N, C-alpha and C. Protein backbone atom coordinates (compact mmCIF):
# COMPACT_ATOMS: atom_id res chain seq x y z
N THR A 1 -29.28 43.88 45.58
CA THR A 1 -28.15 43.52 44.73
C THR A 1 -28.63 43.46 43.29
N PRO A 2 -28.03 44.24 42.38
CA PRO A 2 -28.47 44.22 40.99
C PRO A 2 -28.15 42.88 40.34
N THR A 3 -29.03 42.46 39.45
CA THR A 3 -28.80 41.22 38.70
C THR A 3 -27.83 41.50 37.56
N PRO A 4 -26.74 40.71 37.44
CA PRO A 4 -25.79 40.96 36.35
C PRO A 4 -26.48 40.80 34.99
N SER A 5 -26.18 41.70 34.08
CA SER A 5 -26.79 41.61 32.76
C SER A 5 -26.05 40.57 31.91
N VAL A 6 -26.80 39.89 31.08
CA VAL A 6 -26.23 38.87 30.19
C VAL A 6 -25.69 39.56 28.95
N GLN A 7 -24.46 39.25 28.60
CA GLN A 7 -23.80 39.83 27.44
C GLN A 7 -23.36 38.70 26.50
N GLN A 8 -23.01 39.08 25.30
CA GLN A 8 -22.54 38.09 24.33
C GLN A 8 -21.24 38.55 23.70
N ALA A 9 -20.32 37.60 23.55
CA ALA A 9 -19.05 37.86 22.87
C ALA A 9 -18.86 36.84 21.76
N THR A 10 -18.42 37.29 20.61
CA THR A 10 -18.08 36.38 19.51
C THR A 10 -16.57 36.43 19.34
N LEU A 11 -15.91 35.37 19.79
CA LEU A 11 -14.45 35.28 19.69
C LEU A 11 -14.09 34.65 18.34
N ILE A 12 -13.07 35.20 17.70
CA ILE A 12 -12.55 34.66 16.45
C ILE A 12 -11.28 33.88 16.76
N SER A 13 -11.09 32.75 16.09
CA SER A 13 -9.95 31.90 16.43
C SER A 13 -8.63 32.61 16.16
N GLN A 14 -7.61 32.16 16.88
CA GLN A 14 -6.28 32.76 16.79
C GLN A 14 -5.51 32.10 15.64
N ALA A 15 -5.29 32.87 14.60
CA ALA A 15 -4.72 32.33 13.37
C ALA A 15 -3.39 31.61 13.59
N GLU A 16 -2.54 32.20 14.44
CA GLU A 16 -1.21 31.63 14.62
C GLU A 16 -1.23 30.29 15.34
N LEU A 17 -2.36 29.96 15.99
CA LEU A 17 -2.48 28.69 16.70
C LEU A 17 -3.35 27.68 15.96
N ASP A 18 -4.03 28.11 14.92
CA ASP A 18 -4.84 27.20 14.11
C ASP A 18 -3.94 26.39 13.18
N GLY A 19 -4.39 25.19 12.85
CA GLY A 19 -3.64 24.39 11.90
C GLY A 19 -4.14 22.96 11.89
N TYR A 20 -3.36 22.08 11.28
CA TYR A 20 -3.73 20.67 11.28
C TYR A 20 -2.50 19.79 11.36
N LEU A 21 -2.75 18.55 11.75
CA LEU A 21 -1.68 17.57 11.96
C LEU A 21 -1.93 16.38 11.06
N ILE A 22 -0.86 15.77 10.56
CA ILE A 22 -0.96 14.57 9.73
C ILE A 22 -0.18 13.47 10.42
N SER A 23 -0.90 12.45 10.89
CA SER A 23 -0.25 11.30 11.53
C SER A 23 -0.08 10.20 10.50
N ASN A 24 1.07 9.53 10.53
CA ASN A 24 1.33 8.49 9.53
C ASN A 24 1.02 7.09 10.03
N GLY A 25 0.48 6.96 11.24
CA GLY A 25 0.11 5.65 11.76
C GLY A 25 1.26 4.87 12.34
N SER A 26 2.47 5.42 12.25
CA SER A 26 3.65 4.72 12.77
C SER A 26 4.34 5.53 13.85
N GLY A 27 3.59 6.40 14.50
CA GLY A 27 4.16 7.19 15.58
C GLY A 27 4.72 8.52 15.14
N GLY A 28 4.69 8.80 13.84
CA GLY A 28 5.20 10.07 13.35
C GLY A 28 4.08 11.02 12.97
N THR A 29 4.26 12.29 13.29
CA THR A 29 3.26 13.30 12.99
C THR A 29 3.96 14.56 12.52
N ILE A 30 3.43 15.15 11.44
CA ILE A 30 3.89 16.46 11.03
C ILE A 30 2.75 17.45 11.29
N PHE A 31 3.08 18.71 11.48
CA PHE A 31 2.04 19.68 11.78
C PHE A 31 2.25 20.92 10.94
N LEU A 32 1.14 21.52 10.53
CA LEU A 32 1.16 22.72 9.72
C LEU A 32 0.37 23.79 10.46
N ALA A 33 1.07 24.76 11.03
CA ALA A 33 0.44 25.82 11.81
C ALA A 33 0.11 27.02 10.93
N ASP A 34 -0.78 27.87 11.44
CA ASP A 34 -1.11 29.14 10.81
C ASP A 34 -1.55 28.94 9.36
N GLN A 35 -2.44 28.00 9.15
CA GLN A 35 -2.99 27.73 7.82
C GLN A 35 -4.32 28.46 7.65
N ASP A 36 -4.66 28.83 6.41
CA ASP A 36 -5.96 29.48 6.23
C ASP A 36 -7.08 28.45 6.05
N THR A 37 -6.71 27.18 5.91
CA THR A 37 -7.68 26.09 5.80
C THR A 37 -7.26 24.95 6.71
N ILE A 38 -8.24 24.39 7.42
CA ILE A 38 -8.01 23.23 8.29
C ILE A 38 -8.49 21.99 7.55
N LEU A 39 -7.67 20.94 7.51
CA LEU A 39 -8.04 19.68 6.86
C LEU A 39 -8.30 18.62 7.92
N VAL A 40 -9.39 17.85 7.73
CA VAL A 40 -9.75 16.78 8.66
C VAL A 40 -10.20 15.58 7.84
N GLY A 41 -9.58 14.42 8.07
CA GLY A 41 -9.98 13.23 7.33
C GLY A 41 -8.81 12.27 7.17
N ASP A 42 -8.68 11.71 5.96
CA ASP A 42 -7.57 10.80 5.71
C ASP A 42 -6.89 11.14 4.39
N GLY A 43 -5.69 10.57 4.23
CA GLY A 43 -4.90 10.83 3.03
C GLY A 43 -4.80 9.61 2.15
N SER A 44 -4.18 9.79 0.98
CA SER A 44 -4.08 8.71 0.00
C SER A 44 -3.18 7.57 0.49
N SER A 45 -2.23 7.88 1.36
CA SER A 45 -1.43 6.83 1.96
C SER A 45 -2.28 6.05 2.96
N ALA A 46 -2.02 4.76 3.09
CA ALA A 46 -2.89 3.88 3.88
C ALA A 46 -2.99 4.26 5.35
N ASN A 47 -2.03 5.04 5.87
CA ASN A 47 -2.04 5.33 7.30
C ASN A 47 -2.23 6.80 7.65
N TRP A 48 -2.38 7.65 6.69
CA TRP A 48 -2.44 9.07 7.00
C TRP A 48 -3.78 9.47 7.60
N GLN A 49 -3.73 10.20 8.71
CA GLN A 49 -4.93 10.77 9.31
C GLN A 49 -4.70 12.25 9.56
N TYR A 50 -5.66 13.06 9.19
CA TYR A 50 -5.60 14.51 9.38
C TYR A 50 -6.48 14.91 10.55
N LYS A 51 -5.93 15.72 11.46
CA LYS A 51 -6.68 16.27 12.58
C LYS A 51 -6.49 17.77 12.61
N GLY A 52 -7.56 18.50 12.94
CA GLY A 52 -7.49 19.95 13.00
C GLY A 52 -7.43 20.46 14.43
N ILE A 53 -6.79 21.61 14.62
CA ILE A 53 -6.73 22.29 15.91
C ILE A 53 -7.19 23.74 15.70
N ILE A 54 -8.14 24.17 16.52
CA ILE A 54 -8.64 25.54 16.45
C ILE A 54 -8.63 26.12 17.87
N SER A 55 -8.14 27.36 18.02
CA SER A 55 -7.90 27.95 19.34
C SER A 55 -8.58 29.30 19.48
N PHE A 56 -9.11 29.55 20.69
CA PHE A 56 -9.78 30.82 20.98
C PHE A 56 -9.23 31.39 22.28
N ASN A 57 -9.02 32.70 22.30
CA ASN A 57 -8.51 33.38 23.49
C ASN A 57 -9.67 33.69 24.43
N THR A 58 -10.12 32.68 25.16
CA THR A 58 -11.23 32.87 26.10
C THR A 58 -10.79 33.62 27.35
N GLY A 59 -9.50 33.77 27.56
CA GLY A 59 -9.00 34.58 28.67
C GLY A 59 -9.29 36.06 28.47
N ALA A 60 -9.73 36.44 27.26
CA ALA A 60 -10.06 37.84 26.98
C ALA A 60 -11.41 38.24 27.58
N LEU A 61 -12.19 37.26 28.03
CA LEU A 61 -13.45 37.59 28.67
C LEU A 61 -13.17 38.30 30.00
N PRO A 62 -14.10 39.13 30.48
CA PRO A 62 -13.88 39.84 31.75
C PRO A 62 -13.67 38.87 32.91
N ALA A 63 -12.99 39.36 33.94
CA ALA A 63 -12.81 38.56 35.15
C ALA A 63 -14.16 38.32 35.82
N ASN A 64 -14.21 37.27 36.63
CA ASN A 64 -15.43 36.92 37.38
C ASN A 64 -16.63 36.66 36.47
N THR A 65 -16.35 36.04 35.34
CA THR A 65 -17.39 35.76 34.35
C THR A 65 -18.08 34.43 34.64
N THR A 66 -19.39 34.43 34.55
CA THR A 66 -20.17 33.19 34.56
C THR A 66 -20.67 32.97 33.14
N ILE A 67 -20.28 31.84 32.55
CA ILE A 67 -20.68 31.55 31.17
C ILE A 67 -22.01 30.80 31.19
N HIS A 68 -22.97 31.29 30.43
CA HIS A 68 -24.29 30.69 30.38
C HIS A 68 -24.45 29.75 29.18
N SER A 69 -23.84 30.09 28.05
CA SER A 69 -23.91 29.23 26.87
C SER A 69 -22.69 29.48 26.01
N ALA A 70 -22.36 28.50 25.18
CA ALA A 70 -21.22 28.63 24.27
C ALA A 70 -21.50 27.80 23.03
N HIS A 71 -21.33 28.43 21.87
CA HIS A 71 -21.57 27.76 20.59
C HIS A 71 -20.33 27.87 19.72
N LEU A 72 -19.88 26.74 19.20
CA LEU A 72 -18.77 26.71 18.25
C LEU A 72 -19.33 26.73 16.84
N ARG A 73 -18.81 27.63 16.00
CA ARG A 73 -19.28 27.76 14.62
C ARG A 73 -18.07 27.67 13.68
N LEU A 74 -18.11 26.71 12.74
CA LEU A 74 -17.02 26.49 11.80
C LEU A 74 -17.57 26.54 10.39
N ARG A 75 -16.95 27.34 9.55
CA ARG A 75 -17.38 27.48 8.16
C ARG A 75 -16.73 26.39 7.31
N ARG A 76 -17.57 25.64 6.61
CA ARG A 76 -17.10 24.58 5.74
C ARG A 76 -16.53 25.13 4.45
N GLY A 77 -15.52 24.47 3.93
CA GLY A 77 -15.03 24.73 2.59
C GLY A 77 -15.50 23.62 1.67
N SER A 78 -14.77 23.38 0.60
CA SER A 78 -15.12 22.31 -0.35
C SER A 78 -14.55 20.99 0.14
N ASP A 79 -15.39 19.94 0.13
CA ASP A 79 -14.92 18.62 0.53
C ASP A 79 -14.03 18.03 -0.55
N ILE A 80 -13.14 17.15 -0.12
CA ILE A 80 -12.26 16.41 -1.03
C ILE A 80 -12.57 14.94 -0.86
N GLY A 81 -12.89 14.25 -1.95
CA GLY A 81 -13.20 12.82 -1.86
C GLY A 81 -14.51 12.58 -1.14
N ASN A 82 -14.53 11.53 -0.29
CA ASN A 82 -15.74 11.12 0.42
C ASN A 82 -15.49 11.03 1.92
N PRO A 83 -15.36 12.17 2.61
CA PRO A 83 -15.09 12.12 4.05
C PRO A 83 -16.25 11.52 4.85
N GLY A 84 -17.44 11.46 4.27
CA GLY A 84 -18.58 10.88 4.98
C GLY A 84 -18.41 9.41 5.30
N GLY A 85 -17.45 8.75 4.66
CA GLY A 85 -17.20 7.34 4.92
C GLY A 85 -16.22 7.07 6.05
N LEU A 86 -15.91 8.11 6.84
CA LEU A 86 -14.91 7.98 7.91
C LEU A 86 -15.52 7.96 9.30
N GLY A 87 -16.83 7.71 9.38
CA GLY A 87 -17.47 7.63 10.69
C GLY A 87 -17.89 8.98 11.20
N GLN A 88 -17.98 9.10 12.51
CA GLN A 88 -18.40 10.36 13.12
C GLN A 88 -17.24 11.36 13.16
N LEU A 89 -17.60 12.63 13.04
CA LEU A 89 -16.64 13.70 13.29
C LEU A 89 -16.70 14.02 14.77
N PHE A 90 -15.57 13.89 15.46
CA PHE A 90 -15.47 14.21 16.89
C PHE A 90 -14.78 15.56 17.04
N ILE A 91 -15.24 16.33 18.02
CA ILE A 91 -14.55 17.56 18.42
C ILE A 91 -14.27 17.47 19.91
N ASP A 92 -12.98 17.40 20.27
CA ASP A 92 -12.54 17.38 21.66
C ASP A 92 -12.27 18.79 22.13
N ILE A 93 -12.33 19.00 23.45
CA ILE A 93 -11.92 20.27 24.04
C ILE A 93 -10.70 20.02 24.91
N SER A 94 -9.79 20.96 24.91
CA SER A 94 -8.49 20.77 25.57
C SER A 94 -8.57 20.98 27.07
N PRO A 95 -7.55 20.49 27.79
CA PRO A 95 -7.37 20.91 29.19
C PRO A 95 -7.06 22.40 29.24
N ALA A 96 -7.00 22.96 30.43
CA ALA A 96 -6.79 24.40 30.59
C ALA A 96 -5.49 24.88 29.96
N ASN A 97 -4.47 24.03 29.90
CA ASN A 97 -3.19 24.44 29.34
C ASN A 97 -3.04 24.04 27.89
N GLY A 98 -4.12 23.64 27.23
CA GLY A 98 -4.07 23.29 25.82
C GLY A 98 -3.68 21.84 25.60
N PHE A 99 -3.73 21.42 24.35
CA PHE A 99 -3.27 20.08 24.00
C PHE A 99 -1.74 20.06 24.01
N GLY A 100 -1.15 18.95 24.41
CA GLY A 100 0.30 18.85 24.40
C GLY A 100 0.94 19.70 25.48
N GLN A 101 2.13 20.16 25.21
CA GLN A 101 2.93 20.87 26.22
C GLN A 101 2.75 22.38 26.20
N SER A 102 2.08 22.91 25.16
CA SER A 102 1.89 24.35 25.08
C SER A 102 0.70 24.65 24.18
N MET A 103 0.34 25.92 24.09
CA MET A 103 -0.75 26.32 23.21
C MET A 103 -0.35 26.24 21.75
N ALA A 104 0.94 26.37 21.45
CA ALA A 104 1.41 26.34 20.07
C ALA A 104 1.18 24.95 19.47
N LEU A 105 0.83 24.91 18.20
CA LEU A 105 0.59 23.65 17.53
C LEU A 105 1.88 22.83 17.50
N ALA A 106 1.76 21.56 17.88
CA ALA A 106 2.92 20.67 17.92
C ALA A 106 2.47 19.25 17.60
N ALA A 107 3.44 18.41 17.22
CA ALA A 107 3.11 17.06 16.78
C ALA A 107 2.35 16.26 17.84
N GLU A 108 2.70 16.47 19.12
CA GLU A 108 2.06 15.68 20.17
C GLU A 108 0.58 16.02 20.37
N ASP A 109 0.14 17.14 19.78
CA ASP A 109 -1.27 17.52 19.91
C ASP A 109 -2.21 16.49 19.28
N ALA A 110 -1.71 15.72 18.34
CA ALA A 110 -2.56 14.75 17.64
C ALA A 110 -3.18 13.75 18.61
N ASP A 111 -2.42 13.32 19.61
CA ASP A 111 -2.90 12.29 20.54
C ASP A 111 -2.84 12.73 21.99
N ALA A 112 -2.62 14.02 22.23
CA ALA A 112 -2.53 14.51 23.60
C ALA A 112 -3.87 14.37 24.31
N ARG A 113 -3.82 14.31 25.64
CA ARG A 113 -5.01 14.16 26.46
C ARG A 113 -5.98 15.32 26.23
N ALA A 114 -7.26 15.01 26.21
CA ALA A 114 -8.31 16.02 26.10
C ALA A 114 -9.02 16.15 27.43
N ALA A 115 -9.58 17.33 27.70
CA ALA A 115 -10.43 17.47 28.88
C ALA A 115 -11.72 16.68 28.68
N ILE A 116 -12.28 16.73 27.48
CA ILE A 116 -13.47 15.96 27.12
C ILE A 116 -13.29 15.45 25.71
N VAL A 117 -13.37 14.14 25.54
CA VAL A 117 -13.28 13.51 24.22
C VAL A 117 -14.68 13.49 23.60
N GLY A 118 -14.77 13.90 22.35
CA GLY A 118 -16.05 13.86 21.65
C GLY A 118 -17.11 14.76 22.27
N LEU A 119 -16.70 15.93 22.73
CA LEU A 119 -17.64 16.87 23.31
C LEU A 119 -18.77 17.18 22.33
N LEU A 120 -18.39 17.40 21.06
CA LEU A 120 -19.36 17.55 19.97
C LEU A 120 -19.14 16.41 19.00
N ARG A 121 -20.24 15.83 18.49
CA ARG A 121 -20.16 14.69 17.58
C ARG A 121 -21.15 14.88 16.44
N TYR A 122 -20.68 14.60 15.22
CA TYR A 122 -21.52 14.78 14.05
C TYR A 122 -21.47 13.51 13.19
N THR A 123 -22.65 13.04 12.81
CA THR A 123 -22.73 11.88 11.93
C THR A 123 -23.03 12.32 10.51
N THR A 124 -23.95 13.23 10.32
CA THR A 124 -24.31 13.76 9.00
C THR A 124 -23.83 15.19 8.91
N ILE A 125 -22.89 15.44 8.02
CA ILE A 125 -22.33 16.78 7.92
C ILE A 125 -22.28 17.28 6.49
N SER A 126 -22.74 16.48 5.53
CA SER A 126 -22.67 16.90 4.14
C SER A 126 -23.68 17.99 3.85
N GLY A 127 -23.30 18.90 2.99
CA GLY A 127 -24.20 19.94 2.52
C GLY A 127 -24.41 21.11 3.46
N GLU A 128 -23.73 21.16 4.59
CA GLU A 128 -23.90 22.25 5.53
C GLU A 128 -22.86 23.34 5.26
N THR A 129 -23.30 24.57 5.26
CA THR A 129 -22.37 25.68 5.06
C THR A 129 -21.59 25.96 6.33
N TRP A 130 -22.31 25.97 7.46
CA TRP A 130 -21.67 26.14 8.77
C TRP A 130 -21.89 24.87 9.59
N LEU A 131 -20.87 24.45 10.30
CA LEU A 131 -21.00 23.37 11.27
C LEU A 131 -21.10 24.05 12.63
N GLU A 132 -22.19 23.82 13.35
CA GLU A 132 -22.42 24.50 14.61
C GLU A 132 -22.72 23.50 15.71
N GLY A 133 -22.31 23.83 16.91
CA GLY A 133 -22.60 22.97 18.04
C GLY A 133 -22.62 23.75 19.34
N ALA A 134 -23.57 23.38 20.21
CA ALA A 134 -23.68 24.02 21.52
C ALA A 134 -22.99 23.14 22.56
N LEU A 135 -22.15 23.74 23.38
CA LEU A 135 -21.49 23.00 24.44
C LEU A 135 -22.48 22.71 25.56
N ASN A 136 -22.39 21.51 26.13
CA ASN A 136 -23.21 21.20 27.31
C ASN A 136 -22.55 21.80 28.55
N ASP A 137 -23.17 21.60 29.71
CA ASP A 137 -22.65 22.21 30.94
C ASP A 137 -21.24 21.74 31.26
N THR A 138 -20.95 20.48 30.98
CA THR A 138 -19.60 19.96 31.23
C THR A 138 -18.59 20.64 30.31
N GLY A 139 -18.98 20.82 29.06
CA GLY A 139 -18.10 21.50 28.12
C GLY A 139 -17.87 22.95 28.52
N ILE A 140 -18.93 23.62 28.96
CA ILE A 140 -18.78 25.01 29.41
C ILE A 140 -17.82 25.07 30.59
N GLY A 141 -17.88 24.08 31.47
CA GLY A 141 -16.97 24.04 32.61
C GLY A 141 -15.51 23.86 32.22
N ALA A 142 -15.26 23.35 31.01
CA ALA A 142 -13.89 23.12 30.55
C ALA A 142 -13.29 24.33 29.85
N ILE A 143 -14.08 25.37 29.62
CA ILE A 143 -13.57 26.57 28.95
C ILE A 143 -12.56 27.27 29.88
N SER A 144 -11.41 27.61 29.34
CA SER A 144 -10.39 28.30 30.12
C SER A 144 -10.79 29.76 30.35
N HIS A 145 -10.75 30.21 31.61
CA HIS A 145 -11.06 31.60 31.93
C HIS A 145 -9.80 32.45 31.99
N SER A 146 -8.65 31.83 31.84
CA SER A 146 -7.40 32.59 32.00
C SER A 146 -6.49 32.54 30.78
N GLY A 147 -6.87 31.78 29.76
CA GLY A 147 -5.99 31.67 28.60
C GLY A 147 -6.73 31.24 27.36
N VAL A 148 -6.23 30.20 26.72
CA VAL A 148 -6.75 29.75 25.43
C VAL A 148 -7.53 28.45 25.59
N THR A 149 -8.66 28.36 24.89
CA THR A 149 -9.42 27.12 24.81
C THR A 149 -9.25 26.55 23.41
N GLN A 150 -8.82 25.30 23.33
CA GLN A 150 -8.56 24.67 22.04
C GLN A 150 -9.55 23.55 21.76
N PHE A 151 -9.80 23.34 20.46
CA PHE A 151 -10.63 22.24 20.00
C PHE A 151 -9.85 21.40 19.00
N ARG A 152 -10.04 20.08 19.07
CA ARG A 152 -9.38 19.16 18.13
C ARG A 152 -10.46 18.42 17.33
N LEU A 153 -10.34 18.42 16.02
CA LEU A 153 -11.32 17.81 15.12
C LEU A 153 -10.72 16.59 14.44
N TYR A 154 -11.47 15.50 14.38
CA TYR A 154 -10.98 14.30 13.70
C TYR A 154 -12.14 13.33 13.49
N PHE A 155 -11.95 12.40 12.58
CA PHE A 155 -12.94 11.34 12.36
C PHE A 155 -12.60 10.12 13.20
N THR A 156 -13.64 9.38 13.59
CA THR A 156 -13.43 8.20 14.43
C THR A 156 -12.71 7.08 13.68
N LEU A 157 -12.85 7.02 12.35
CA LEU A 157 -12.11 6.05 11.55
C LEU A 157 -10.88 6.76 10.99
N PRO A 158 -9.68 6.36 11.43
CA PRO A 158 -8.48 7.09 11.02
C PRO A 158 -8.28 7.11 9.50
N ASN A 159 -8.57 5.98 8.84
CA ASN A 159 -8.35 5.88 7.40
C ASN A 159 -9.22 4.77 6.85
N ASN A 160 -9.91 5.02 5.73
CA ASN A 160 -10.78 3.98 5.17
C ASN A 160 -10.08 3.07 4.17
N GLY A 161 -8.79 3.32 3.92
CA GLY A 161 -8.00 2.43 3.10
C GLY A 161 -8.32 2.43 1.62
N ASN A 162 -9.03 3.44 1.12
CA ASN A 162 -9.39 3.44 -0.31
C ASN A 162 -8.31 4.06 -1.20
N GLY A 163 -7.20 4.49 -0.60
CA GLY A 163 -6.10 5.04 -1.39
C GLY A 163 -6.36 6.42 -1.96
N GLU A 164 -7.35 7.12 -1.40
CA GLU A 164 -7.68 8.45 -1.89
C GLU A 164 -7.75 9.44 -0.72
N ASP A 165 -7.59 10.71 -1.03
CA ASP A 165 -7.79 11.75 -0.02
C ASP A 165 -9.29 11.90 0.24
N ASP A 166 -9.68 11.83 1.50
CA ASP A 166 -11.07 12.04 1.91
C ASP A 166 -11.05 13.07 3.04
N LEU A 167 -11.33 14.32 2.71
CA LEU A 167 -11.08 15.40 3.66
C LEU A 167 -12.24 16.39 3.73
N LEU A 168 -12.55 16.82 4.95
CA LEU A 168 -13.37 17.99 5.17
C LEU A 168 -12.43 19.19 5.26
N THR A 169 -12.85 20.31 4.74
CA THR A 169 -12.06 21.52 4.88
C THR A 169 -12.87 22.56 5.65
N PHE A 170 -12.20 23.24 6.55
CA PHE A 170 -12.80 24.32 7.33
C PHE A 170 -11.90 25.55 7.20
N PHE A 171 -12.51 26.71 7.16
CA PHE A 171 -11.73 27.94 7.10
C PHE A 171 -11.17 28.26 8.49
N ALA A 172 -9.94 28.75 8.52
CA ALA A 172 -9.24 29.00 9.78
C ALA A 172 -9.21 30.49 10.11
N GLY A 173 -8.48 30.83 11.17
CA GLY A 173 -8.48 32.17 11.71
C GLY A 173 -7.82 33.23 10.86
N ASP A 174 -7.07 32.84 9.82
CA ASP A 174 -6.48 33.84 8.94
C ASP A 174 -7.04 33.76 7.53
N HIS A 175 -8.25 33.17 7.40
CA HIS A 175 -8.86 33.12 6.08
C HIS A 175 -9.11 34.54 5.57
N ALA A 176 -8.97 34.72 4.27
CA ALA A 176 -9.08 36.06 3.68
C ALA A 176 -10.44 36.70 3.95
N ASN A 177 -11.49 35.91 4.01
CA ASN A 177 -12.82 36.44 4.31
C ASN A 177 -13.04 36.36 5.82
N ALA A 178 -12.99 37.50 6.50
CA ALA A 178 -13.09 37.52 7.96
C ALA A 178 -14.40 36.92 8.46
N GLU A 179 -15.46 37.01 7.68
CA GLU A 179 -16.77 36.49 8.10
C GLU A 179 -16.78 34.97 8.17
N TYR A 180 -15.82 34.30 7.53
CA TYR A 180 -15.78 32.85 7.49
C TYR A 180 -14.85 32.23 8.53
N ARG A 181 -14.20 33.05 9.33
CA ARG A 181 -13.26 32.53 10.32
C ARG A 181 -14.02 31.86 11.46
N PRO A 182 -13.39 30.86 12.12
CA PRO A 182 -14.09 30.14 13.20
C PRO A 182 -14.54 31.09 14.31
N GLN A 183 -15.73 30.81 14.84
CA GLN A 183 -16.32 31.66 15.87
C GLN A 183 -16.67 30.83 17.10
N PHE A 184 -16.46 31.43 18.25
CA PHE A 184 -16.89 30.85 19.52
C PHE A 184 -17.79 31.90 20.16
N VAL A 185 -19.09 31.64 20.12
CA VAL A 185 -20.08 32.62 20.58
C VAL A 185 -20.46 32.29 22.02
N ILE A 186 -20.17 33.20 22.94
CA ILE A 186 -20.34 32.96 24.36
C ILE A 186 -21.28 34.00 24.96
N THR A 187 -22.30 33.53 25.67
CA THR A 187 -23.11 34.45 26.47
C THR A 187 -22.68 34.31 27.93
N TYR A 188 -22.58 35.46 28.62
CA TYR A 188 -22.01 35.45 29.96
C TYR A 188 -22.54 36.64 30.75
N SER A 189 -22.32 36.57 32.04
CA SER A 189 -22.56 37.71 32.91
C SER A 189 -21.36 37.87 33.82
N VAL A 190 -21.15 39.07 34.33
CA VAL A 190 -20.01 39.36 35.21
C VAL A 190 -20.55 39.65 36.60
N ASN A 191 -20.04 38.88 37.58
CA ASN A 191 -20.44 39.07 38.97
C ASN A 191 -19.47 40.04 39.62
N SER A 192 -19.92 41.24 39.87
CA SER A 192 -19.03 42.27 40.43
C SER A 192 -18.74 42.07 41.89
N ASN A 193 -19.44 41.12 42.54
CA ASN A 193 -19.23 40.87 43.98
C ASN A 193 -18.13 39.87 44.26
N GLN A 194 -17.59 39.26 43.21
CA GLN A 194 -16.54 38.25 43.44
C GLN A 194 -15.18 38.90 43.52
């Protein structure tokens, strides 16, 4: 039986599903889909929290795929204010059907159930051009083989109360520079016997 060869795919995020959500702390959330920049942090209002959503069509991988490794790569933009004072940056991974009721960005995505909360966590993120993280085995197991895999970005402190915007910016799937769009780099092999 031949050993399946290991291949690599670099998936680019789906622009129409990328975006961010702004929660006002009182149960209301607005969402901005198909943005060229993702905002994560807090706003000048005392209750505003920004969360980002980034989506990849992992269902485009061949059938009967065994994933060996997966790396999320996000290109940083210019920071606004002092987002470093908002605690850790958490990145959740979605259930197989995405956050909320559909893959499309919606207000409920801000607090919808995750398959894994804080799959990737960052404490020091200043000065980095790319934010990169390798998924562990549990995270790899949460990757959708039939559709879209989504990630949600947010800080553990919703708002630091300083009355200023404190935001990280990341380039999204429709950024003008294609090289800066979010990447999901997956190494895999295909088992032809399945």
